[in-house]
PDB file of all heavy atoms in Angstrom:
ATOM      1  N   VAL A   1      47.241  59.592  52.210  1.00  0.00           N
ATOM      2  CA  VAL A   1      47.144  61.104  51.599  1.00  0.00           C
ATOM      3  C   VAL A   1      46.308  61.848  52.719  1.00  0.00           C
ATOM      4  O   VAL A   1      46.558  62.930  52.917  1.00  0.00           O
ATOM      5  CB  VAL A   1      46.622  61.022  50.224  1.00  0.00           C
ATOM      6  CG1 VAL A   1      46.117  62.429  49.874  1.00  0.00           C
ATOM      7  CG2 VAL A   1      47.762  60.491  49.293  1.00  0.00           C
ATOM      8  N   VAL A   2      45.147  61.230  53.063  1.00  0.00           N
ATOM      9  CA  VAL A   2      44.280  61.974  53.981  1.00  0.00           C
ATOM     10  C   VAL A   2      44.896  62.502  55.242  1.00  0.00           C
ATOM     11  O   VAL A   2      44.856  63.556  55.660  1.00  0.00           O
ATOM     12  CB  VAL A   2      42.980  61.123  54.302  1.00  0.00           C
ATOM     13  CG1 VAL A   2      42.243  61.782  55.355  1.00  0.00           C
ATOM     14  CG2 VAL A   2      42.084  61.147  52.989  1.00  0.00           C
ATOM     15  N   PHE A   3      45.595  61.392  55.914  1.00  0.00           N
ATOM     16  CA  PHE A   3      46.315  61.850  57.132  1.00  0.00           C
ATOM     17  C   PHE A   3      47.434  62.781  56.881  1.00  0.00           C
ATOM     18  O   PHE A   3      47.662  63.608  57.689  1.00  0.00           O
ATOM     19  CB  PHE A   3      46.684  60.520  57.903  1.00  0.00           C
ATOM     20  CG  PHE A   3      45.622  59.770  58.626  1.00  0.00           C
ATOM     21  CD1 PHE A   3      44.991  58.687  58.087  1.00  0.00           C
ATOM     22  CD2 PHE A   3      45.311  60.289  59.855  1.00  0.00           C
ATOM     23  CE1 PHE A   3      44.044  58.062  58.791  1.00  0.00           C
ATOM     24  CE2 PHE A   3      44.271  59.584  60.495  1.00  0.00           C
ATOM     25  CZ  PHE A   3      43.547  58.526  60.010  1.00  0.00           C
ATOM     26  N   ALA A   4      48.074  62.634  55.787  1.00  0.00           N
ATOM     27  CA  ALA A   4      49.389  63.527  55.507  1.00  0.00           C
ATOM     28  C   ALA A   4      48.756  64.843  55.226  1.00  0.00           C
ATOM     29  O   ALA A   4      49.294  65.920  55.791  1.00  0.00           O
ATOM     30  CB  ALA A   4      50.083  62.990  54.308  1.00  0.00           C
ATOM     31  N   GLY A   5      47.777  64.980  54.565  1.00  0.00           N
ATOM     32  CA  GLY A   5      47.110  66.219  54.203  1.00  0.00           C
ATOM     33  C   GLY A   5      46.592  67.014  55.358  1.00  0.00           C
ATOM     34  O   GLY A   5      46.741  68.129  55.632  1.00  0.00           O
ATOM     35  N   LEU A   6      45.877  66.160  56.311  1.00  0.00           N
ATOM     36  CA  LEU A   6      45.378  66.778  57.480  1.00  0.00           C
ATOM     37  C   LEU A   6      46.435  67.285  58.474  1.00  0.00           C
ATOM     38  O   LEU A   6      46.286  68.299  59.138  1.00  0.00           O
ATOM     39  CB  LEU A   6      44.488  65.750  58.302  1.00  0.00           C
ATOM     40  CG  LEU A   6      43.091  65.434  57.672  1.00  0.00           C
ATOM     41  CD1 LEU A   6      42.407  64.383  58.405  1.00  0.00           C
ATOM     42  CD2 LEU A   6      42.231  66.660  57.438  1.00  0.00           C
ATOM     43  N   THR A   7      47.580  66.679  58.507  1.00  0.00           N
ATOM     44  CA  THR A   7      48.705  67.020  59.284  1.00  0.00           C
ATOM     45  C   THR A   7      49.273  68.318  58.785  1.00  0.00           C
ATOM     46  O   THR A   7      49.580  69.223  59.553  1.00  0.00           O
ATOM     47  CB  THR A   7      49.775  65.951  59.373  1.00  0.00           C
ATOM     48  OG1 THR A   7      49.238  64.680  59.677  1.00  0.00           O
ATOM     49  CG2 THR A   7      50.879  66.360  60.328  1.00  0.00           C
ATOM     50  N   VAL A   8      49.396  68.415  57.471  1.00  0.00           N
ATOM     51  CA  VAL A   8      49.917  69.684  56.935  1.00  0.00           C
ATOM     52  C   VAL A   8      48.926  70.853  57.171  1.00  0.00           C
ATOM     53  O   VAL A   8      49.287  71.966  57.620  1.00  0.00           O
ATOM     54  CB  VAL A   8      50.088  69.585  55.379  1.00  0.00           C
ATOM     55  CG1 VAL A   8      50.481  71.040  54.792  1.00  0.00           C
ATOM     56  CG2 VAL A   8      51.153  68.575  55.084  1.00  0.00           C
ATOM     57  N   ILE A   9      47.604  70.629  56.963  1.00  0.00           N
ATOM     58  CA  ILE A   9      46.559  71.541  57.294  1.00  0.00           C
ATOM     59  C   ILE A   9      46.525  72.030  58.698  1.00  0.00           C
ATOM     60  O   ILE A   9      46.517  73.204  59.040  1.00  0.00           O
ATOM     61  CB  ILE A   9      45.152  71.038  56.873  1.00  0.00           C
ATOM     62  CG1 ILE A   9      45.151  70.858  55.226  1.00  0.00           C
ATOM     63  CG2 ILE A   9      44.073  71.942  57.353  1.00  0.00           C
ATOM     64  CD1 ILE A   9      43.891  70.161  54.839  1.00  0.00           C
ATOM     65  N   ILE A  10      46.769  71.079  59.677  1.00  0.00           N
ATOM     66  CA  ILE A  10      46.721  71.440  61.122  1.00  0.00           C
ATOM     67  C   ILE A  10      47.923  72.293  61.305  1.00  0.00           C
ATOM     68  O   ILE A  10      47.837  73.287  62.104  1.00  0.00           O
ATOM     69  CB  ILE A  10      46.878  70.131  61.958  1.00  0.00           C
ATOM     70  CG1 ILE A  10      45.558  69.468  61.973  1.00  0.00           C
ATOM     71  CG2 ILE A  10      47.311  70.432  63.352  1.00  0.00           C
ATOM     72  CD1 ILE A  10      45.488  68.165  62.585  1.00  0.00           C
ATOM     73  N   ALA A  11      49.108  71.937  60.820  1.00  0.00           N
ATOM     74  CA  ALA A  11      50.277  72.739  61.087  1.00  0.00           C
ATOM     75  C   ALA A  11      50.205  74.205  60.554  1.00  0.00           C
ATOM     76  O   ALA A  11      50.622  75.115  61.115  1.00  0.00           O
ATOM     77  CB  ALA A  11      51.522  72.059  60.402  1.00  0.00           C
ATOM     78  N   LEU A  12      49.638  74.350  59.352  1.00  0.00           N
ATOM     79  CA  LEU A  12      49.453  75.601  58.725  1.00  0.00           C
ATOM     80  C   LEU A  12      48.407  76.450  59.453  1.00  0.00           C
ATOM     81  O   LEU A  12      48.636  77.717  59.719  1.00  0.00           O
ATOM     82  CB  LEU A  12      48.978  75.463  57.384  1.00  0.00           C
ATOM     83  CG  LEU A  12      50.121  74.998  56.354  1.00  0.00           C
ATOM     84  CD1 LEU A  12      49.553  74.572  55.063  1.00  0.00           C
ATOM     85  CD2 LEU A  12      51.267  75.903  56.203  1.00  0.00           C
ATOM     86  N   CYS A  13      47.252  75.847  59.951  1.00  0.00           N
ATOM     87  CA  CYS A  13      46.358  76.537  60.767  1.00  0.00           C
ATOM     88  C   CYS A  13      46.851  76.995  61.996  1.00  0.00           C
ATOM     89  O   CYS A  13      46.382  77.855  62.712  1.00  0.00           O
ATOM     90  CB  CYS A  13      45.055  75.701  60.819  1.00  0.00           C
ATOM     91  SG  CYS A  13      44.140  75.504  59.314  1.00  0.00           S
ATOM     92  N   GLY A  14      47.799  76.181  62.409  1.00  0.00           N
ATOM     93  CA  GLY A  14      48.440  76.515  63.778  1.00  0.00           C
ATOM     94  C   GLY A  14      49.024  77.838  63.838  1.00  0.00           C
ATOM     95  O   GLY A  14      49.377  78.448  64.919  1.00  0.00           O
ATOM     96  N   LEU A  15      49.385  78.270  62.647  1.00  0.00           N
ATOM     97  CA  LEU A  15      49.961  79.835  62.534  1.00  0.00           C
ATOM     98  C   LEU A  15      49.070  80.799  63.144  1.00  0.00           C
ATOM     99  O   LEU A  15      49.441  82.004  63.480  1.00  0.00           O
ATOM    100  CB  LEU A  15      50.218  80.143  61.118  1.00  0.00           C
ATOM    101  CG  LEU A  15      51.423  79.417  60.553  1.00  0.00           C
ATOM    102  CD1 LEU A  15      51.505  79.823  59.005  1.00  0.00           C
ATOM    103  CD2 LEU A  15      52.760  79.833  61.108  1.00  0.00           C
ATOM    104  N   SER A  16      47.794  80.566  63.377  1.00  0.00           N
ATOM    105  CA  SER A  16      46.781  81.397  63.940  1.00  0.00           C
ATOM    106  C   SER A  16      47.030  81.715  65.388  1.00  0.00           C
ATOM    107  O   SER A  16      46.714  82.762  65.931  1.00  0.00           O
ATOM    108  CB  SER A  16      45.409  80.855  63.764  1.00  0.00           C
ATOM    109  OG  SER A  16      45.040  80.534  62.437  1.00  0.00           O
ATOM    110  N   VAL A  17      47.708  80.670  65.988  1.00  0.00           N
ATOM    111  CA  VAL A  17      47.934  80.968  67.490  1.00  0.00           C
ATOM    112  C   VAL A  17      48.913  82.013  67.839  1.00  0.00           C
ATOM    113  O   VAL A  17      49.105  82.564  68.865  1.00  0.00           O
ATOM    114  CB  VAL A  17      48.441  79.649  68.102  1.00  0.00           C
ATOM    115  CG1 VAL A  17      47.465  78.517  67.904  1.00  0.00           C
ATOM    116  CG2 VAL A  17      49.839  79.281  67.698  1.00  0.00           C
ATOM    117  N   VAL A  18      49.690  82.443  66.703  1.00  0.00           N
ATOM    118  CA  VAL A  18      50.792  83.468  66.937  1.00  0.00           C
ATOM    119  C   VAL A  18      50.098  84.841  67.243  1.00  0.00           C
ATOM    120  O   VAL A  18      50.638  85.641  67.959  1.00  0.00           O
ATOM    121  CB  VAL A  18      51.676  83.640  65.581  1.00  0.00           C
ATOM    122  CG1 VAL A  18      52.738  84.646  65.789  1.00  0.00           C
ATOM    123  CG2 VAL A  18      52.267  82.278  65.483  1.00  0.00           C
ATOM    124  N   GLY A  19      48.933  85.095  66.722  1.00  0.00           N
ATOM    125  CA  GLY A  19      48.150  86.346  66.893  1.00  0.00           C
ATOM    126  C   GLY A  19      48.644  87.480  66.048  1.00  0.00           C
ATOM    127  O   GLY A  19      48.406  88.613  66.319  1.00  0.00           O
ATOM    128  N   ILE A  20      49.359  87.300  64.845  1.00  0.00           N
ATOM    129  CA  ILE A  20      49.653  88.292  63.907  1.00  0.00           C
ATOM    130  C   ILE A  20      48.816  88.021  62.646  1.00  0.00           C
ATOM    131  O   ILE A  20      49.088  86.928  62.126  1.00  0.00           O
ATOM    132  CB  ILE A  20      51.157  88.166  63.641  1.00  0.00           C
ATOM    133  CG1 ILE A  20      51.966  88.518  64.811  1.00  0.00           C
ATOM    134  CG2 ILE A  20      51.569  89.231  62.580  1.00  0.00           C
ATOM    135  CD1 ILE A  20      53.471  88.573  64.695  1.00  0.00           C
ATOM    136  N   PRO A  21      48.025  88.957  62.344  1.00  0.00           N
ATOM    137  CA  PRO A  21      46.936  88.610  61.314  1.00  0.00           C
ATOM    138  C   PRO A  21      47.560  88.244  60.028  1.00  0.00           C
ATOM    139  O   PRO A  21      47.079  87.346  59.309  1.00  0.00           O
ATOM    140  CB  PRO A  21      46.228  90.017  61.149  1.00  0.00           C
ATOM    141  CG  PRO A  21      46.330  90.561  62.543  1.00  0.00           C
ATOM    142  CD  PRO A  21      47.733  90.160  63.013  1.00  0.00           C
ATOM    143  N   PHE A  22      48.759  88.842  59.594  1.00  0.00           N
ATOM    144  CA  PHE A  22      49.286  88.547  58.251  1.00  0.00           C
ATOM    145  C   PHE A  22      49.755  87.064  58.218  1.00  0.00           C
ATOM    146  O   PHE A  22      49.657  86.399  57.249  1.00  0.00           O
ATOM    147  CB  PHE A  22      50.360  89.534  57.874  1.00  0.00           C
ATOM    148  CG  PHE A  22      51.723  89.057  58.092  1.00  0.00           C
ATOM    149  CD1 PHE A  22      52.455  88.321  57.167  1.00  0.00           C
ATOM    150  CD2 PHE A  22      52.318  89.445  59.224  1.00  0.00           C
ATOM    151  CE1 PHE A  22      53.806  88.105  57.502  1.00  0.00           C
ATOM    152  CE2 PHE A  22      53.636  89.099  59.628  1.00  0.00           C
ATOM    153  CZ  PHE A  22      54.315  88.400  58.680  1.00  0.00           C
ATOM    154  N   LEU A  23      50.243  86.535  59.465  1.00  0.00           N
ATOM    155  CA  LEU A  23      50.685  85.186  59.494  1.00  0.00           C
ATOM    156  C   LEU A  23      49.473  84.186  59.555  1.00  0.00           C
ATOM    157  O   LEU A  23      49.429  83.156  58.883  1.00  0.00           O
ATOM    158  CB  LEU A  23      51.586  84.988  60.667  1.00  0.00           C
ATOM    159  CG  LEU A  23      53.027  85.136  60.428  1.00  0.00           C
ATOM    160  CD1 LEU A  23      53.755  84.793  61.703  1.00  0.00           C
ATOM    161  CD2 LEU A  23      53.551  84.314  59.331  1.00  0.00           C
ATOM    162  N   THR A  24      48.475  84.549  60.209  1.00  0.00           N
ATOM    163  CA  THR A  24      47.235  83.795  60.227  1.00  0.00           C
ATOM    164  C   THR A  24      46.681  83.646  58.825  1.00  0.00           C
ATOM    165  O   THR A  24      46.348  82.612  58.478  1.00  0.00           O
ATOM    166  CB  THR A  24      46.190  84.526  61.242  1.00  0.00           C
ATOM    167  OG1 THR A  24      46.698  84.611  62.368  1.00  0.00           O
ATOM    168  CG2 THR A  24      44.874  83.752  61.191  1.00  0.00           C
ATOM    169  N   VAL A  25      46.664  84.782  58.089  1.00  0.00           N
ATOM    170  CA  VAL A  25      46.084  84.663  56.669  1.00  0.00           C
ATOM    171  C   VAL A  25      47.012  83.953  55.896  1.00  0.00           C
ATOM    172  O   VAL A  25      46.547  83.101  54.985  1.00  0.00           O
ATOM    173  CB  VAL A  25      45.913  86.172  56.185  1.00  0.00           C
ATOM    174  CG1 VAL A  25      45.595  86.103  54.719  1.00  0.00           C
ATOM    175  CG2 VAL A  25      44.876  86.974  56.949  1.00  0.00           C
ATOM    176  N   MET A  26      48.324  84.090  55.951  1.00  0.00           N
ATOM    177  CA  MET A  26      49.194  83.238  55.272  1.00  0.00           C
ATOM    178  C   MET A  26      49.053  81.709  55.470  1.00  0.00           C
ATOM    179  O   MET A  26      48.831  80.876  54.531  1.00  0.00           O
ATOM    180  CB  MET A  26      50.629  83.626  55.595  1.00  0.00           C
ATOM    181  CG  MET A  26      51.720  82.712  54.815  1.00  0.00           C
ATOM    182  SD  MET A  26      53.390  83.126  55.361  1.00  0.00           S
ATOM    183  CE  MET A  26      53.704  84.694  54.792  1.00  0.00           C
ATOM    184  N   GLY A  27      48.872  81.294  56.858  1.00  0.00           N
ATOM    185  CA  GLY A  27      48.618  79.979  57.021  1.00  0.00           C
ATOM    186  C   GLY A  27      47.359  79.329  56.577  1.00  0.00           C
ATOM    187  O   GLY A  27      47.293  78.322  56.085  1.00  0.00           O
ATOM    188  N   LEU A  28      46.307  80.181  56.691  1.00  0.00           N
ATOM    189  CA  LEU A  28      44.871  79.815  56.286  1.00  0.00           C
ATOM    190  C   LEU A  28      44.938  79.671  54.800  1.00  0.00           C
ATOM    191  O   LEU A  28      44.275  78.741  54.238  1.00  0.00           O
ATOM    192  CB  LEU A  28      43.849  80.647  56.818  1.00  0.00           C
ATOM    193  CG  LEU A  28      43.609  80.779  58.376  1.00  0.00           C
ATOM    194  CD1 LEU A  28      42.550  81.741  58.705  1.00  0.00           C
ATOM    195  CD2 LEU A  28      43.290  79.433  58.707  1.00  0.00           C
ATOM    196  N   CYS A  29      45.545  80.636  54.042  1.00  0.00           N
ATOM    197  CA  CYS A  29      45.566  80.546  52.525  1.00  0.00           C
ATOM    198  C   CYS A  29      46.393  79.283  52.060  1.00  0.00           C
ATOM    199  O   CYS A  29      45.881  78.565  51.223  1.00  0.00           O
ATOM    200  CB  CYS A  29      46.254  81.726  51.939  1.00  0.00           C
ATOM    201  SG  CYS A  29      45.285  83.281  52.051  1.00  0.00           S
ATOM    202  N   ALA A  30      47.449  79.042  52.773  1.00  0.00           N
ATOM    203  CA  ALA A  30      48.315  77.878  52.316  1.00  0.00           C
ATOM    204  C   ALA A  30      47.435  76.522  52.808  1.00  0.00           C
ATOM    205  O   ALA A  30      47.462  75.556  52.061  1.00  0.00           O
ATOM    206  CB  ALA A  30      49.540  77.777  53.112  1.00  0.00           C
ATOM    207  N   ALA A  31      46.859  76.517  53.928  1.00  0.00           N
ATOM    208  CA  ALA A  31      45.987  75.469  54.340  1.00  0.00           C
ATOM    209  C   ALA A  31      44.847  75.238  53.358  1.00  0.00           C
ATOM    210  O   ALA A  31      44.486  73.965  52.963  1.00  0.00           O
ATOM    211  CB  ALA A  31      45.504  75.638  55.705  1.00  0.00           C
ATOM    212  N   GLY A  32      44.282  76.246  52.853  1.00  0.00           N
ATOM    213  CA  GLY A  32      43.239  76.060  51.794  1.00  0.00           C
ATOM    214  C   GLY A  32      43.747  75.598  50.704  1.00  0.00           C
ATOM    215  O   GLY A  32      43.044  74.637  49.908  1.00  0.00           O
ATOM    216  N   ALA A  33      44.948  75.898  50.268  1.00  0.00           N
ATOM    217  CA  ALA A  33      45.449  75.432  48.994  1.00  0.00           C
ATOM    218  C   ALA A  33      45.817  73.798  49.194  1.00  0.00           C
ATOM    219  O   ALA A  33      45.476  73.014  48.049  1.00  0.00           O
ATOM    220  CB  ALA A  33      46.778  76.132  48.620  1.00  0.00           C
ATOM    221  N   VAL A  34      46.301  73.431  50.305  1.00  0.00           N
ATOM    222  CA  VAL A  34      46.467  72.082  50.621  1.00  0.00           C
ATOM    223  C   VAL A  34      45.171  71.307  50.662  1.00  0.00           C
ATOM    224  O   VAL A  34      45.118  70.183  50.066  1.00  0.00           O
ATOM    225  CB  VAL A  34      47.337  71.900  51.854  1.00  0.00           C
ATOM    226  CG1 VAL A  34      47.398  70.467  52.188  1.00  0.00           C
ATOM    227  CG2 VAL A  34      48.792  72.506  51.629  1.00  0.00           C
ATOM    228  N   ALA A  35      44.114  71.904  51.119  1.00  0.00           N
ATOM    229  CA  ALA A  35      42.888  71.287  51.346  1.00  0.00           C
ATOM    230  C   ALA A  35      42.296  71.006  49.869  1.00  0.00           C
ATOM    231  O   ALA A  35      41.728  69.924  49.648  1.00  0.00           O
ATOM    232  CB  ALA A  35      41.892  72.060  52.085  1.00  0.00           C
ATOM    233  N   VAL A  36      42.426  71.973  48.922  1.00  0.00           N
ATOM    234  CA  VAL A  36      42.006  71.808  47.599  1.00  0.00           C
ATOM    235  C   VAL A  36      42.724  70.704  47.024  1.00  0.00           C
ATOM    236  O   VAL A  36      42.098  69.895  46.296  1.00  0.00           O
ATOM    237  CB  VAL A  36      42.068  73.309  46.971  1.00  0.00           C
ATOM    238  CG1 VAL A  36      41.705  72.917  45.381  1.00  0.00           C
ATOM    239  CG2 VAL A  36      41.003  74.243  47.556  1.00  0.00           C
ATOM    240  N   ALA A  37      44.017  70.789  47.120  1.00  0.00           N
ATOM    241  CA  ALA A  37      44.910  69.675  46.528  1.00  0.00           C
ATOM    242  C   ALA A  37      44.479  68.306  46.957  1.00  0.00           C
ATOM    243  O   ALA A  37      44.488  67.307  46.309  1.00  0.00           O
ATOM    244  CB  ALA A  37      46.356  69.941  46.816  1.00  0.00           C
ATOM    245  N   LEU A  38      44.154  68.259  48.310  1.00  0.00           N
ATOM    246  CA  LEU A  38      43.618  66.925  48.868  1.00  0.00           C
ATOM    247  C   LEU A  38      42.364  66.465  48.290  1.00  0.00           C
ATOM    248  O   LEU A  38      42.222  65.420  47.869  1.00  0.00           O
ATOM    249  CB  LEU A  38      43.628  67.162  50.376  1.00  0.00           C
ATOM    250  CG  LEU A  38      43.108  65.870  51.187  1.00  0.00           C
ATOM    251  CD1 LEU A  38      44.006  64.753  51.033  1.00  0.00           C
ATOM    252  CD2 LEU A  38      42.885  66.132  52.765  1.00  0.00           C
ATOM    253  N   LEU A  39      41.363  67.437  48.131  1.00  0.00           N
ATOM    254  CA  LEU A  39      40.073  67.029  47.632  1.00  0.00           C
ATOM    255  C   LEU A  39      40.219  66.732  46.168  1.00  0.00           C
ATOM    256  O   LEU A  39      39.515  65.701  45.710  1.00  0.00           O
ATOM    257  CB  LEU A  39      39.153  68.238  47.743  1.00  0.00           C
ATOM    258  CG  LEU A  39      38.756  68.430  49.206  1.00  0.00           C
ATOM    259  CD1 LEU A  39      37.872  69.765  49.342  1.00  0.00           C
ATOM    260  CD2 LEU A  39      37.927  67.358  49.827  1.00  0.00           C
TER     261      LEU A  39
END
């Protein structure tokens, strides 16, 4: 579960490289939700 969750979080945080703020925020919000689910 830890490795699976970290992979999802990495993929979602990767949206930040696009350089469009609303996608960055979308990715970070979703990554935060997955991180909470993991914890």
